[in-house]
């Protein structure tokens, strides 16, 4: 089946990376067709056992009787072990995640960063991204691990730990519910810091990717602790590439530079500990002078043009790898 088309996605993927793209609000019958469209990719988590969609579209079943529910067109492909692991996450942070996802508008042109939380365009190698998303034309399938509510393209399959808005499949990054070597690429943004066993998640992403397919991982390097509910680690670009060494490393580097790092840390300090540790006039001066200058620099990405020896405060780093044949 051809993927749904829309003028908003007619431009190359690289043109879309200066903002988040709101997930399409698909009618129920389109969601059902999407499940039909990717059913041959899906497997019982932790195995290569295929799944079949029931006639009424409410269940996925394996030949040996393993059954998973399909809720409003979204397959819930979690094992009992997965559910136990995520129960604490969903109980403590699920409502906050759902509220954040629901707050994003359907219209891509209406989405703008909040004034107090601007996020700069990503400094990624756009030629590699465009090549990955056009690898098989309209039939390309990119698995977005931790995806939703937004997506870069209708070619994305958004996977998350609950059926939040914009999520296509509920599953675990530690046990991806896909056959080996069936997706054309992986997009994983700001996820690995929240997974204690991140090496296993990387191994799973490599496993499900077709030989020759691209894997893009983005992670924070210098950011305040943030968790849904846990935040386990940080990565340098070299460290991330080391953990992705099973792949052929195509590119690595800084996606968001030091201006944003400094803006975010300074603002976090002024809004928190600085309320008690700094005189009011210093806080006011920093808000009127330093924060606007740092915000302007981060949005214009001027720090991404600096020599490598001056790019020491990356907020976000990335690594592209190609799965070897």
C-alpha atoms as a PDB file:
ATOM      1  CA  UNK A   1       0.000   0.000   0.000  1.00  0.00           C
ATOM      2  CA  UNK A   2       1.312   3.457  -0.818  1.00  0.00           C
ATOM      3  CA  UNK A   3       1.974   5.692   2.146  1.00  0.00           C
ATOM      4  CA  UNK A   4      -0.426   8.601   2.694  1.00  0.00           C
ATOM      5  CA  UNK A   5       0.816  11.727   0.990  1.00  0.00           C
ATOM      6  CA  UNK A   6       0.524  15.336   2.052  1.00  0.00           C
ATOM      7  CA  UNK A   7       1.965  18.593   0.708  1.00  0.00           C
ATOM      8  CA  UNK A   8       3.587  19.199   4.070  1.00  0.00           C
ATOM      9  CA  UNK A   9       5.856  16.190   3.462  1.00  0.00           C
ATOM     10  CA  UNK A  10       6.652  16.954  -0.182  1.00  0.00           C
ATOM     11  CA  UNK A  11       9.956  18.610   0.695  1.00  0.00           C
ATOM     12  CA  UNK A  12      13.123  16.678   1.620  1.00  0.00           C
ATOM     13  CA  UNK A  13      13.297  15.452   5.209  1.00  0.00           C
ATOM     14  CA  UNK A  14      16.247  17.747   5.876  1.00  0.00           C
ATOM     15  CA  UNK A  15      13.996  20.750   5.303  1.00  0.00           C
ATOM     16  CA  UNK A  16      11.745  19.578   8.108  1.00  0.00           C
ATOM     17  CA  UNK A  17      14.377  19.344  10.808  1.00  0.00           C
ATOM     18  CA  UNK A  18      14.229  22.987  11.864  1.00  0.00           C
ATOM     19  CA  UNK A  19      10.950  22.232  13.662  1.00  0.00           C
ATOM     20  CA  UNK A  20       8.979  19.303  14.960  1.00  0.00           C
ATOM     21  CA  UNK A  21       6.420  17.917  12.579  1.00  0.00           C
ATOM     22  CA  UNK A  22       3.032  17.261  14.106  1.00  0.00           C
ATOM     23  CA  UNK A  23       1.826  13.691  13.762  1.00  0.00           C
ATOM     24  CA  UNK A  24      -0.911  13.282  11.204  1.00  0.00           C
ATOM     25  CA  UNK A  25      -4.341  12.701  12.709  1.00  0.00           C
ATOM     26  CA  UNK A  26      -5.399   9.653  10.736  1.00  0.00           C
ATOM     27  CA  UNK A  27      -8.982   8.349  10.608  1.00  0.00           C
ATOM     28  CA  UNK A  28      -9.514   4.897  12.078  1.00  0.00           C
ATOM     29  CA  UNK A  29      -9.628   3.147   8.709  1.00  0.00           C
ATOM     30  CA  UNK A  30      -6.264   4.650   7.726  1.00  0.00           C
ATOM     31  CA  UNK A  31      -4.724   3.517  11.009  1.00  0.00           C
ATOM     32  CA  UNK A  32      -6.106   0.017  10.377  1.00  0.00           C
ATOM     33  CA  UNK A  33      -4.569  -0.015   6.909  1.00  0.00           C
ATOM     34  CA  UNK A  34      -1.272   1.053   8.436  1.00  0.00           C
ATOM     35  CA  UNK A  35      -1.322  -2.025  10.688  1.00  0.00           C
ATOM     36  CA  UNK A  36      -2.072  -4.156   7.639  1.00  0.00           C
ATOM     37  CA  UNK A  37       0.771  -2.446   5.818  1.00  0.00           C
ATOM     38  CA  UNK A  38       3.442  -3.271   8.415  1.00  0.00           C
ATOM     39  CA  UNK A  39       2.127  -6.611   9.686  1.00  0.00           C
ATOM     40  CA  UNK A  40       4.857  -8.515   7.834  1.00  0.00           C
ATOM     41  CA  UNK A  41       7.481  -6.539   9.781  1.00  0.00           C
ATOM     42  CA  UNK A  42       6.127  -7.426  13.216  1.00  0.00           C
ATOM     43  CA  UNK A  43       7.138 -10.347  15.422  1.00  0.00           C
ATOM     44  CA  UNK A  44       6.509 -11.604  18.929  1.00  0.00           C
ATOM     45  CA  UNK A  45       8.917  -9.572  21.121  1.00  0.00           C
ATOM     46  CA  UNK A  46      12.112 -11.468  21.819  1.00  0.00           C
ATOM     47  CA  UNK A  47      11.499 -13.965  19.002  1.00  0.00           C
ATOM     48  CA  UNK A  48      11.210 -14.062  15.217  1.00  0.00           C
ATOM     49  CA  UNK A  49       7.708 -15.562  15.451  1.00  0.00           C
ATOM     50  CA  UNK A  50       5.373 -13.856  12.950  1.00  0.00           C
ATOM     51  CA  UNK A  51       2.063 -12.286  13.890  1.00  0.00           C
ATOM     52  CA  UNK A  52      -1.265 -12.213  12.066  1.00  0.00           C
ATOM     53  CA  UNK A  53      -4.000  -9.599  12.408  1.00  0.00           C
ATOM     54  CA  UNK A  54      -7.410 -10.931  13.409  1.00  0.00           C
ATOM     55  CA  UNK A  55     -10.313 -10.376  11.043  1.00  0.00           C
ATOM     56  CA  UNK A  56     -11.882  -7.760  13.310  1.00  0.00           C
ATOM     57  CA  UNK A  57      -8.545  -5.934  13.696  1.00  0.00           C
ATOM     58  CA  UNK A  58      -8.519  -6.135  17.510  1.00  0.00           C
ATOM     59  CA  UNK A  59      -5.758  -8.724  18.028  1.00  0.00           C
ATOM     60  CA  UNK A  60      -2.389  -9.857  16.751  1.00  0.00           C
ATOM     61  CA  UNK A  61      -1.829 -13.587  17.121  1.00  0.00           C
ATOM     62  CA  UNK A  62       1.101 -15.958  16.653  1.00  0.00           C
ATOM     63  CA  UNK A  63       0.852 -19.516  15.383  1.00  0.00           C
ATOM     64  CA  UNK A  64       1.519 -20.884  18.871  1.00  0.00           C
ATOM     65  CA  UNK A  65      -1.269 -18.874  20.490  1.00  0.00           C
ATOM     66  CA  UNK A  66       0.458 -15.748  21.770  1.00  0.00           C
ATOM     67  CA  UNK A  67      -2.066 -12.897  21.591  1.00  0.00           C
ATOM     68  CA  UNK A  68      -1.566  -9.131  21.730  1.00  0.00           C
ATOM     69  CA  UNK A  69      -4.336  -6.554  21.750  1.00  0.00           C
ATOM     70  CA  UNK A  70      -4.767  -3.819  19.154  1.00  0.00           C
ATOM     71  CA  UNK A  71      -6.226  -0.688  20.742  1.00  0.00           C
ATOM     72  CA  UNK A  72      -7.713   1.878  18.350  1.00  0.00           C
ATOM     73  CA  UNK A  73      -5.472   0.578  15.603  1.00  0.00           C
ATOM     74  CA  UNK A  74      -2.304   0.503  17.759  1.00  0.00           C
ATOM     75  CA  UNK A  75      -0.700  -2.926  18.436  1.00  0.00           C
ATOM     76  CA  UNK A  76       0.278  -3.319  22.113  1.00  0.00           C
ATOM     77  CA  UNK A  77       3.343  -5.545  21.718  1.00  0.00           C
ATOM     78  CA  UNK A  78       4.583  -5.738  25.287  1.00  0.00           C
ATOM     79  CA  UNK A  79       5.436  -8.930  27.144  1.00  0.00           C
ATOM     80  CA  UNK A  80       4.422  -9.333  30.779  1.00  0.00           C
ATOM     81  CA  UNK A  81       8.035  -8.598  31.708  1.00  0.00           C
ATOM     82  CA  UNK A  82       7.915  -5.389  29.670  1.00  0.00           C
ATOM     83  CA  UNK A  83       4.681  -4.328  31.353  1.00  0.00           C
ATOM     84  CA  UNK A  84       6.222  -4.869  34.776  1.00  0.00           C
ATOM     85  CA  UNK A  85       9.246  -2.760  33.820  1.00  0.00           C
ATOM     86  CA  UNK A  86       7.148   0.091  32.425  1.00  0.00           C
ATOM     87  CA  UNK A  87       4.423   0.031  35.066  1.00  0.00           C
ATOM     88  CA  UNK A  88       6.399   2.349  37.344  1.00  0.00           C
ATOM     89  CA  UNK A  89       7.232   4.654  34.435  1.00  0.00           C
ATOM     90  CA  UNK A  90       3.622   4.945  33.358  1.00  0.00           C
ATOM     91  CA  UNK A  91       2.301   5.374  36.881  1.00  0.00           C
ATOM     92  CA  UNK A  92       4.761   8.135  37.716  1.00  0.00           C
ATOM     93  CA  UNK A  93       5.140   9.886  34.365  1.00  0.00           C
ATOM     94  CA  UNK A  94       2.565   8.504  31.963  1.00  0.00           C
ATOM     95  CA  UNK A  95       0.038  11.252  32.572  1.00  0.00           C
ATOM     96  CA  UNK A  96       2.659  13.956  32.096  1.00  0.00           C
ATOM     97  CA  UNK A  97       3.841  12.362  28.861  1.00  0.00           C
ATOM     98  CA  UNK A  98       0.289  12.032  27.559  1.00  0.00           C
ATOM     99  CA  UNK A  99      -0.466  15.660  28.430  1.00  0.00           C
ATOM    100  CA  UNK A 100       2.670  16.861  26.641  1.00  0.00           C
ATOM    101  CA  UNK A 101       1.843  14.840  23.539  1.00  0.00           C
ATOM    102  CA  UNK A 102      -1.782  15.973  23.504  1.00  0.00           C
ATOM    103  CA  UNK A 103      -0.773  19.635  23.790  1.00  0.00           C
ATOM    104  CA  UNK A 104       0.891  19.646  20.370  1.00  0.00           C
ATOM    105  CA  UNK A 105      -1.368  20.858  17.543  1.00  0.00           C
ATOM    106  CA  UNK A 106      -2.278  18.755  14.537  1.00  0.00           C
ATOM    107  CA  UNK A 107      -1.296  21.508  12.116  1.00  0.00           C
ATOM    108  CA  UNK A 108       2.457  21.440  11.524  1.00  0.00           C
ATOM    109  CA  UNK A 109       2.480  25.140  10.689  1.00  0.00           C
ATOM    110  CA  UNK A 110       0.917  25.966  14.055  1.00  0.00           C
ATOM    111  CA  UNK A 111       3.663  24.292  16.088  1.00  0.00           C
ATOM    112  CA  UNK A 112       6.128  26.722  17.578  1.00  0.00           C
ATOM    113  CA  UNK A 113       8.553  26.333  20.473  1.00  0.00           C
ATOM    114  CA  UNK A 114       7.276  27.820  23.705  1.00  0.00           C
ATOM    115  CA  UNK A 115       8.850  31.274  24.315  1.00  0.00           C
ATOM    116  CA  UNK A 116      10.577  30.067  27.464  1.00  0.00           C
ATOM    117  CA  UNK A 117      11.718  26.791  25.875  1.00  0.00           C
ATOM    118  CA  UNK A 118      13.082  27.530  22.411  1.00  0.00           C
ATOM    119  CA  UNK A 119      14.907  24.713  20.728  1.00  0.00           C
ATOM    120  CA  UNK A 120      17.331  25.405  17.901  1.00  0.00           C
ATOM    121  CA  UNK A 121      17.448  23.659  14.527  1.00  0.00           C
ATOM    122  CA  UNK A 122      19.494  20.476  14.578  1.00  0.00           C
ATOM    123  CA  UNK A 123      22.936  20.537  12.995  1.00  0.00           C
ATOM    124  CA  UNK A 124      22.718  17.185  11.219  1.00  0.00           C
ATOM    125  CA  UNK A 125      24.188  16.000   7.883  1.00  0.00           C
ATOM    126  CA  UNK A 126      21.055  16.487   5.832  1.00  0.00           C
ATOM    127  CA  UNK A 127      22.314  14.642   2.770  1.00  0.00           C
ATOM    128  CA  UNK A 128      22.590  11.436   4.801  1.00  0.00           C
ATOM    129  CA  UNK A 129      19.119  11.923   6.250  1.00  0.00           C
ATOM    130  CA  UNK A 130      17.560  12.527   2.841  1.00  0.00           C
ATOM    131  CA  UNK A 131      19.308   9.458   1.424  1.00  0.00           C
ATOM    132  CA  UNK A 132      18.054   7.309   4.297  1.00  0.00           C
ATOM    133  CA  UNK A 133      14.465   8.460   3.947  1.00  0.00           C
ATOM    134  CA  UNK A 134      14.459   7.993   0.178  1.00  0.00           C
ATOM    135  CA  UNK A 135      16.221   4.617   0.233  1.00  0.00           C
ATOM    136  CA  UNK A 136      13.197   2.753  -1.190  1.00  0.00           C
ATOM    137  CA  UNK A 137      11.104   5.668  -2.330  1.00  0.00           C
ATOM    138  CA  UNK A 138       7.566   5.731  -0.967  1.00  0.00           C
ATOM    139  CA  UNK A 139       7.909   2.257   0.529  1.00  0.00           C
ATOM    140  CA  UNK A 140      10.773   3.220   2.864  1.00  0.00           C
ATOM    141  CA  UNK A 141      10.075   2.337   6.496  1.00  0.00           C
ATOM    142  CA  UNK A 142      11.912   4.221   9.250  1.00  0.00           C
ATOM    143  CA  UNK A 143      11.421   2.998  12.813  1.00  0.00           C
ATOM    144  CA  UNK A 144      11.315   5.944  15.207  1.00  0.00           C
ATOM    145  CA  UNK A 145      12.273   4.495  18.594  1.00  0.00           C
ATOM    146  CA  UNK A 146      10.642   6.615  21.271  1.00  0.00           C
ATOM    147  CA  UNK A 147       8.635   8.347  18.547  1.00  0.00           C
ATOM    148  CA  UNK A 148       5.509  10.443  18.827  1.00  0.00           C
ATOM    149  CA  UNK A 149       3.549  12.593  18.908  1.00  0.00           C
ATOM    150  CA  UNK A 150       5.465  14.162  16.014  1.00  0.00           C
ATOM    151  CA  UNK A 151       7.133  12.532  13.050  1.00  0.00           C
ATOM    152  CA  UNK A 152       9.549  13.614  10.353  1.00  0.00           C
ATOM    153  CA  UNK A 153       7.640  11.841   7.597  1.00  0.00           C
ATOM    154  CA  UNK A 154       4.706   9.489   7.015  1.00  0.00           C
ATOM    155  CA  UNK A 155       7.445   6.913   6.398  1.00  0.00           C
ATOM    156  CA  UNK A 156       8.088   6.875  10.157  1.00  0.00           C
ATOM    157  CA  UNK A 157       6.748   4.073  12.346  1.00  0.00           C
ATOM    158  CA  UNK A 158       6.513   5.593  15.831  1.00  0.00           C
ATOM    159  CA  UNK A 159       7.219   3.166  18.681  1.00  0.00           C
ATOM    160  CA  UNK A 160       6.778   4.101  22.330  1.00  0.00           C
ATOM    161  CA  UNK A 161       5.991   2.461  25.664  1.00  0.00           C
ATOM    162  CA  UNK A 162       2.296   3.445  25.704  1.00  0.00           C
ATOM    163  CA  UNK A 163      -0.349   4.365  23.117  1.00  0.00           C
ATOM    164  CA  UNK A 164       0.259   8.088  23.394  1.00  0.00           C
ATOM    165  CA  UNK A 165      -0.904  10.382  20.633  1.00  0.00           C
ATOM    166  CA  UNK A 166       0.967   9.798  17.376  1.00  0.00           C
ATOM    167  CA  UNK A 167       2.273   6.365  18.446  1.00  0.00           C
ATOM    168  CA  UNK A 168       1.866   3.533  15.905  1.00  0.00           C
ATOM    169  CA  UNK A 169       3.207   0.600  17.942  1.00  0.00           C
ATOM    170  CA  UNK A 170       3.608   0.078  21.670  1.00  0.00           C
ATOM    171  CA  UNK A 171       6.756  -1.883  22.433  1.00  0.00           C
ATOM    172  CA  UNK A 172      10.042  -1.962  24.281  1.00  0.00           C
ATOM    173  CA  UNK A 173      13.340  -0.707  22.862  1.00  0.00           C
ATOM    174  CA  UNK A 174      14.963  -3.614  24.705  1.00  0.00           C
ATOM    175  CA  UNK A 175      12.842  -6.163  22.835  1.00  0.00           C
ATOM    176  CA  UNK A 176      11.742  -4.551  19.583  1.00  0.00           C
ATOM    177  CA  UNK A 177       8.685  -6.380  18.190  1.00  0.00           C
ATOM    178  CA  UNK A 178      10.118  -6.668  14.678  1.00  0.00           C
ATOM    179  CA  UNK A 179      11.692  -9.389  12.597  1.00  0.00           C
ATOM    180  CA  UNK A 180      15.441  -9.203  12.038  1.00  0.00           C
ATOM    181  CA  UNK A 181      16.550  -6.900   9.221  1.00  0.00           C
ATOM    182  CA  UNK A 182      13.154  -5.572   8.136  1.00  0.00           C
ATOM    183  CA  UNK A 183      13.215  -1.777   8.614  1.00  0.00           C
ATOM    184  CA  UNK A 184      15.119   0.537   6.291  1.00  0.00           C
ATOM    185  CA  UNK A 185      16.447   2.768   9.019  1.00  0.00           C
ATOM    186  CA  UNK A 186      16.232   3.908  12.631  1.00  0.00           C
ATOM    187  CA  UNK A 187      15.587   7.347  14.080  1.00  0.00           C
ATOM    188  CA  UNK A 188      16.211   7.526  17.840  1.00  0.00           C
ATOM    189  CA  UNK A 189      16.210  10.978  19.417  1.00  0.00           C
ATOM    190  CA  UNK A 190      16.663  11.692  23.142  1.00  0.00           C
ATOM    191  CA  UNK A 191      15.829   8.167  24.267  1.00  0.00           C
ATOM    192  CA  UNK A 192      18.991   6.318  25.289  1.00  0.00           C
ATOM    193  CA  UNK A 193      19.632   8.545  28.304  1.00  0.00           C
ATOM    194  CA  UNK A 194      16.384   7.169  29.768  1.00  0.00           C
ATOM    195  CA  UNK A 195      17.309   3.492  29.282  1.00  0.00           C
ATOM    196  CA  UNK A 196      19.602   1.916  31.857  1.00  0.00           C
ATOM    197  CA  UNK A 197      20.601  -0.947  29.530  1.00  0.00           C
ATOM    198  CA  UNK A 198      21.174   1.340  26.543  1.00  0.00           C
ATOM    199  CA  UNK A 199      23.674  -1.068  24.927  1.00  0.00           C
ATOM    200  CA  UNK A 200      20.916  -3.652  24.591  1.00  0.00           C
ATOM    201  CA  UNK A 201      18.648  -1.041  22.980  1.00  0.00           C
ATOM    202  CA  UNK A 202      21.368  -0.205  20.444  1.00  0.00           C
ATOM    203  CA  UNK A 203      21.844  -3.907  19.679  1.00  0.00           C
ATOM    204  CA  UNK A 204      18.104  -4.259  19.053  1.00  0.00           C
ATOM    205  CA  UNK A 205      18.077  -1.269  16.695  1.00  0.00           C
ATOM    206  CA  UNK A 206      20.950  -2.802  14.752  1.00  0.00           C
ATOM    207  CA  UNK A 207      19.220  -6.183  14.646  1.00  0.00           C
ATOM    208  CA  UNK A 208      15.965  -4.975  13.106  1.00  0.00           C
ATOM    209  CA  UNK A 209      17.668  -2.761  10.513  1.00  0.00           C
ATOM    210  CA  UNK A 210      18.148  -4.126   7.016  1.00  0.00           C
ATOM    211  CA  UNK A 211      21.782  -4.489   5.824  1.00  0.00           C
ATOM    212  CA  UNK A 212      22.779  -1.181   4.281  1.00  0.00           C
ATOM    213  CA  UNK A 213      20.193   0.707   6.341  1.00  0.00           C
ATOM    214  CA  UNK A 214      21.045   3.785   8.384  1.00  0.00           C
ATOM    215  CA  UNK A 215      20.785   4.184  12.153  1.00  0.00           C
ATOM    216  CA  UNK A 216      20.662   7.719  13.566  1.00  0.00           C
ATOM    217  CA  UNK A 217      20.955   8.200  17.305  1.00  0.00           C
ATOM    218  CA  UNK A 218      20.852  11.565  19.047  1.00  0.00           C
ATOM    219  CA  UNK A 219      21.510  11.950  22.762  1.00  0.00           C
ATOM    220  CA  UNK A 220      22.218  14.755  25.209  1.00  0.00           C
ATOM    221  CA  UNK A 221      25.746  15.504  26.341  1.00  0.00           C
ATOM    222  CA  UNK A 222      25.417  18.593  28.556  1.00  0.00           C
ATOM    223  CA  UNK A 223      21.842  19.046  29.724  1.00  0.00           C
ATOM    224  CA  UNK A 224      20.169  19.254  33.124  1.00  0.00           C
ATOM    225  CA  UNK A 225      18.862  15.989  34.505  1.00  0.00           C
ATOM    226  CA  UNK A 226      15.448  15.209  33.061  1.00  0.00           C
ATOM    227  CA  UNK A 227      13.491  12.016  33.445  1.00  0.00           C
ATOM    228  CA  UNK A 228      10.322  10.175  32.525  1.00  0.00           C
ATOM    229  CA  UNK A 229      10.975   9.246  35.301  1.00  0.00           C
ATOM    230  CA  UNK A 230      14.677   8.297  35.166  1.00  0.00           C
ATOM    231  CA  UNK A 231      17.738   9.811  33.532  1.00  0.00           C
ATOM    232  CA  UNK A 232      20.699   7.440  33.591  1.00  0.00           C
ATOM    233  CA  UNK A 233      23.625   8.757  31.517  1.00  0.00           C
ATOM    234  CA  UNK A 234      25.175  11.234  29.094  1.00  0.00           C
ATOM    235  CA  UNK A 235      27.288  10.654  25.964  1.00  0.00           C
ATOM    236  CA  UNK A 236      29.996  12.369  23.962  1.00  0.00           C
ATOM    237  CA  UNK A 237      29.958  11.919  20.187  1.00  0.00           C
ATOM    238  CA  UNK A 238      32.999   9.634  20.429  1.00  0.00           C
ATOM    239  CA  UNK A 239      31.411   7.634  23.233  1.00  0.00           C
ATOM    240  CA  UNK A 240      28.205   7.185  21.262  1.00  0.00           C
ATOM    241  CA  UNK A 241      30.153   6.067  18.192  1.00  0.00           C
ATOM    242  CA  UNK A 242      32.008   3.529  20.344  1.00  0.00           C
ATOM    243  CA  UNK A 243      28.746   2.006  21.526  1.00  0.00           C
ATOM    244  CA  UNK A 244      27.514   1.887  17.910  1.00  0.00           C
ATOM    245  CA  UNK A 245      30.736   0.311  16.634  1.00  0.00           C
ATOM    246  CA  UNK A 246      28.915  -2.748  15.255  1.00  0.00           C
ATOM    247  CA  UNK A 247      27.825  -0.372  12.482  1.00  0.00           C
ATOM    248  CA  UNK A 248      29.966   1.355   9.889  1.00  0.00           C
ATOM    249  CA  UNK A 249      30.168   4.875  11.356  1.00  0.00           C
ATOM    250  CA  UNK A 250      29.331   7.393   8.635  1.00  0.00           C
ATOM    251  CA  UNK A 251      29.186  10.621  10.635  1.00  0.00           C
ATOM    252  CA  UNK A 252      29.211  11.843  14.214  1.00  0.00           C
ATOM    253  CA  UNK A 253      29.278  15.224  15.854  1.00  0.00           C
ATOM    254  CA  UNK A 254      27.421  18.050  17.490  1.00  0.00           C
ATOM    255  CA  UNK A 255      23.723  18.506  16.733  1.00  0.00           C
ATOM    256  CA  UNK A 256      23.062  21.354  19.183  1.00  0.00           C
ATOM    257  CA  UNK A 257      25.923  23.525  20.370  1.00  0.00           C
ATOM    258  CA  UNK A 258      27.219  25.240  23.451  1.00  0.00           C
ATOM    259  CA  UNK A 259      25.079  28.371  23.204  1.00  0.00           C
ATOM    260  CA  UNK A 260      21.970  26.332  23.892  1.00  0.00           C
ATOM    261  CA  UNK A 261      23.798  24.369  26.597  1.00  0.00           C
ATOM    262  CA  UNK A 262      24.744  27.574  28.380  1.00  0.00           C
ATOM    263  CA  UNK A 263      21.288  29.116  27.882  1.00  0.00           C
ATOM    264  CA  UNK A 264      19.547  26.038  29.262  1.00  0.00           C
ATOM    265  CA  UNK A 265      21.840  25.589  32.260  1.00  0.00           C
ATOM    266  CA  UNK A 266      21.805  29.301  33.117  1.00  0.00           C
ATOM    267  CA  UNK A 267      18.019  29.516  32.825  1.00  0.00           C
ATOM    268  CA  UNK A 268      17.592  26.358  34.903  1.00  0.00           C
ATOM    269  CA  UNK A 269      19.873  27.839  37.569  1.00  0.00           C
ATOM    270  CA  UNK A 270      18.137  31.226  37.583  1.00  0.00           C
ATOM    271  CA  UNK A 271      14.716  29.583  37.824  1.00  0.00           C
ATOM    272  CA  UNK A 272      15.839  27.220  40.583  1.00  0.00           C
ATOM    273  CA  UNK A 273      18.842  27.461  42.924  1.00  0.00           C
ATOM    274  CA  UNK A 274      19.624  31.002  41.783  1.00  0.00           C
ATOM    275  CA  UNK A 275      16.408  32.225  43.377  1.00  0.00           C
ATOM    276  CA  UNK A 276      18.056  31.611  46.750  1.00  0.00           C
ATOM    277  CA  UNK A 277      21.757  32.076  45.986  1.00  0.00           C
ATOM    278  CA  UNK A 278      21.976  35.139  43.724  1.00  0.00           C
ATOM    279  CA  UNK A 279      20.965  38.746  44.384  1.00  0.00           C
ATOM    280  CA  UNK A 280      17.872  39.818  42.513  1.00  0.00           C
ATOM    281  CA  UNK A 281      19.743  42.411  40.455  1.00  0.00           C
ATOM    282  CA  UNK A 282      22.185  39.793  39.134  1.00  0.00           C
ATOM    283  CA  UNK A 283      19.326  37.494  38.140  1.00  0.00           C
ATOM    284  CA  UNK A 284      17.603  40.370  36.394  1.00  0.00           C
ATOM    285  CA  UNK A 285      20.766  41.411  34.555  1.00  0.00           C
ATOM    286  CA  UNK A 286      21.366  37.854  33.340  1.00  0.00           C
ATOM    287  CA  UNK A 287      17.783  37.570  32.072  1.00  0.00           C
ATOM    288  CA  UNK A 288      18.016  40.881  30.200  1.00  0.00           C
ATOM    289  CA  UNK A 289      21.450  40.373  28.654  1.00  0.00           C
ATOM    290  CA  UNK A 290      22.961  36.895  28.724  1.00  0.00           C
ATOM    291  CA  UNK A 291      19.851  34.791  28.081  1.00  0.00           C
ATOM    292  CA  UNK A 292      18.700  36.717  24.972  1.00  0.00           C
ATOM    293  CA  UNK A 293      22.221  36.696  23.483  1.00  0.00           C
ATOM    294  CA  UNK A 294      22.650  32.962  24.080  1.00  0.00           C
ATOM    295  CA  UNK A 295      19.196  32.234  22.710  1.00  0.00           C
ATOM    296  CA  UNK A 296      19.930  34.216  19.542  1.00  0.00           C
ATOM    297  CA  UNK A 297      23.217  32.385  19.033  1.00  0.00           C
ATOM    298  CA  UNK A 298      21.630  28.959  19.524  1.00  0.00           C
ATOM    299  CA  UNK A 299      18.742  29.650  17.150  1.00  0.00           C
ATOM    300  CA  UNK A 300      21.154  30.915  14.488  1.00  0.00           C
ATOM    301  CA  UNK A 301      23.497  27.940  15.129  1.00  0.00           C
ATOM    302  CA  UNK A 302      26.543  30.191  15.109  1.00  0.00           C
ATOM    303  CA  UNK A 303      28.356  27.949  17.580  1.00  0.00           C
ATOM    304  CA  UNK A 304      28.118  25.007  15.158  1.00  0.00           C
ATOM    305  CA  UNK A 305      30.510  26.862  12.844  1.00  0.00           C
ATOM    306  CA  UNK A 306      33.264  27.069  15.449  1.00  0.00           C
ATOM    307  CA  UNK A 307      36.480  25.007  15.202  1.00  0.00           C
ATOM    308  CA  UNK A 308      36.326  21.639  16.923  1.00  0.00           C
ATOM    309  CA  UNK A 309      38.616  22.758  19.734  1.00  0.00           C
ATOM    310  CA  UNK A 310      36.045  25.385  20.744  1.00  0.00           C
ATOM    311  CA  UNK A 311      33.031  23.074  20.552  1.00  0.00           C
ATOM    312  CA  UNK A 312      33.336  21.655  24.037  1.00  0.00           C
ATOM    313  CA  UNK A 313      29.858  22.261  25.456  1.00  0.00           C
ATOM    314  CA  UNK A 314      27.576  20.346  23.103  1.00  0.00           C
ATOM    315  CA  UNK A 315      23.970  20.078  24.233  1.00  0.00           C
ATOM    316  CA  UNK A 316      23.114  17.245  21.812  1.00  0.00           C
ATOM    317  CA  UNK A 317      25.425  14.906  19.909  1.00  0.00           C
ATOM    318  CA  UNK A 318      24.626  12.449  17.149  1.00  0.00           C
ATOM    319  CA  UNK A 319      26.015   9.426  15.384  1.00  0.00           C
ATOM    320  CA  UNK A 320      25.045   7.944  12.012  1.00  0.00           C
ATOM    321  CA  UNK A 321      25.906   4.352  11.318  1.00  0.00           C
ATOM    322  CA  UNK A 322      25.234   2.036   8.368  1.00  0.00           C
ATOM    323  CA  UNK A 323      24.522  -1.631   8.993  1.00  0.00           C
ATOM    324  CA  UNK A 324      27.149  -3.742   7.329  1.00  0.00           C
ATOM    325  CA  UNK A 325      26.101  -6.256   4.686  1.00  0.00           C
END
